[in-house]
């Protein structure tokens, strides 16, 4: 009887660990791309305008990336993107990191 309880408890703990890892969104990833255009959109939470860049990734996919810092981002510029996953919606979030792009050696 105690062995069955221990196995059930171990399975529940394992499921809890798996669920927490899935919900954490995982670690940040980096990718690079070329800025296609820059504009502003209203922030969904605050209503204030937020700068975004339309970026073309190396695989041809176009994404919208938030410009977090007060960096001068312009069309045609190569930028580094920090990629994370939004837990509630499951969508991927992209943020422009100009400082890191300047360090990239081609």
Protein backbone atom coordinates (compact mmCIF):
# COMPACT_ATOMS: atom_id res chain seq x y z
CA UNK A 1 0.00 0.00 0.00
CA UNK A 2 2.81 2.43 0.87
CA UNK A 3 4.57 1.63 -2.42
CA UNK A 4 1.47 2.56 -4.44
CA UNK A 5 1.11 5.82 -2.51
CA UNK A 6 4.77 6.65 -3.17
CA UNK A 7 4.39 5.98 -6.92
CA UNK A 8 1.23 8.10 -7.13
CA UNK A 9 2.96 10.92 -5.24
CA UNK A 10 6.01 10.70 -7.55
CA UNK A 11 3.77 10.87 -10.64
CA UNK A 12 1.92 13.90 -9.27
CA UNK A 13 5.21 15.67 -8.53
CA UNK A 14 6.50 14.87 -12.01
CA UNK A 15 3.32 16.23 -13.60
CA UNK A 16 3.63 19.40 -11.51
CA UNK A 17 7.21 19.93 -12.64
CA UNK A 18 6.29 19.37 -16.30
CA UNK A 19 3.35 21.80 -16.06
CA UNK A 20 5.47 24.50 -14.43
CA UNK A 21 8.16 24.16 -17.11
CA UNK A 22 5.56 24.41 -19.87
CA UNK A 23 3.99 27.50 -18.34
CA UNK A 24 7.29 29.26 -17.71
CA UNK A 25 7.66 30.07 -21.40
CA UNK A 26 11.16 28.67 -21.45
CA UNK A 27 14.38 30.61 -21.66
CA UNK A 28 14.90 33.67 -23.79
CA UNK A 29 16.23 32.98 -27.26
CA UNK A 30 18.03 35.27 -29.68
CA UNK A 31 17.65 35.66 -33.41
CA UNK A 32 18.56 38.34 -35.94
CA UNK A 33 16.75 40.08 -38.74
CA UNK A 34 16.52 43.16 -40.93
CA UNK A 35 14.14 46.01 -40.05
CA UNK A 36 11.55 46.52 -42.76
CA UNK A 37 9.70 49.45 -41.18
CA UNK A 38 9.24 51.28 -37.87
CA UNK A 39 6.00 52.66 -36.47
CA UNK A 40 3.87 53.09 -33.37
CA UNK A 41 0.90 51.15 -32.07
CA UNK A 42 -1.25 51.67 -28.97
CA UNK A 43 -0.22 49.47 -26.04
CA UNK A 44 -3.02 47.02 -25.21
CA UNK A 45 -2.63 47.50 -21.46
CA UNK A 46 -1.81 51.18 -20.96
CA UNK A 47 -3.17 52.78 -24.13
CA UNK A 48 0.07 54.71 -24.59
CA UNK A 49 1.77 54.47 -27.96
CA UNK A 50 4.57 51.97 -28.30
CA UNK A 51 7.30 51.82 -30.95
CA UNK A 52 7.42 48.62 -32.99
CA UNK A 53 9.52 47.39 -35.87
CA UNK A 54 8.48 45.06 -38.63
CA UNK A 55 11.45 42.69 -38.94
CA UNK A 56 12.21 40.08 -41.60
CA UNK A 57 13.98 37.06 -40.10
CA UNK A 58 16.58 34.99 -41.94
CA UNK A 59 13.94 32.35 -42.77
CA UNK A 60 11.80 35.02 -44.50
CA UNK A 61 9.20 35.24 -41.73
CA UNK A 62 7.99 38.76 -40.82
CA UNK A 63 7.43 39.57 -37.16
CA UNK A 64 6.44 42.62 -35.15
CA UNK A 65 9.02 43.45 -32.45
CA UNK A 66 8.72 45.93 -29.59
CA UNK A 67 11.46 48.57 -29.46
CA UNK A 68 12.11 48.56 -25.74
CA UNK A 69 14.99 51.02 -25.40
CA UNK A 70 15.08 54.52 -26.84
CA UNK A 71 17.31 53.27 -29.67
CA UNK A 72 17.43 54.79 -33.13
CA UNK A 73 15.99 51.95 -35.23
CA UNK A 74 15.54 52.47 -38.95
CA UNK A 75 14.56 50.57 -42.09
CA UNK A 76 17.32 48.32 -43.46
CA UNK A 77 19.12 48.04 -40.13
CA UNK A 78 20.26 44.64 -38.87
CA UNK A 79 18.97 44.03 -35.34
CA UNK A 80 19.12 41.30 -32.75
CA UNK A 81 15.80 40.10 -31.35
CA UNK A 82 15.13 38.61 -27.93
CA UNK A 83 12.42 36.00 -28.30
CA UNK A 84 10.23 34.79 -25.43
CA UNK A 85 6.87 33.13 -25.07
CA UNK A 86 3.83 34.78 -23.50
CA UNK A 87 2.45 32.29 -20.97
CA UNK A 88 -1.28 33.13 -21.01
CA UNK A 89 -1.67 33.43 -24.79
CA UNK A 90 1.10 31.11 -25.93
CA UNK A 91 2.23 33.61 -28.58
CA UNK A 92 5.87 34.46 -29.25
CA UNK A 93 7.11 37.93 -28.21
CA UNK A 94 9.94 39.73 -30.00
CA UNK A 95 11.98 42.66 -28.63
CA UNK A 96 14.59 44.65 -30.56
CA UNK A 97 18.06 44.67 -29.00
CA UNK A 98 20.15 47.12 -31.04
CA UNK A 99 23.11 47.14 -28.64
CA UNK A 100 23.65 43.41 -29.04
CA UNK A 101 23.35 43.64 -32.85
CA UNK A 102 26.30 46.06 -32.91
CA UNK A 103 28.43 43.35 -31.25
CA UNK A 104 27.58 40.68 -33.83
CA UNK A 105 30.59 39.76 -35.95
CA UNK A 106 29.79 38.87 -39.53
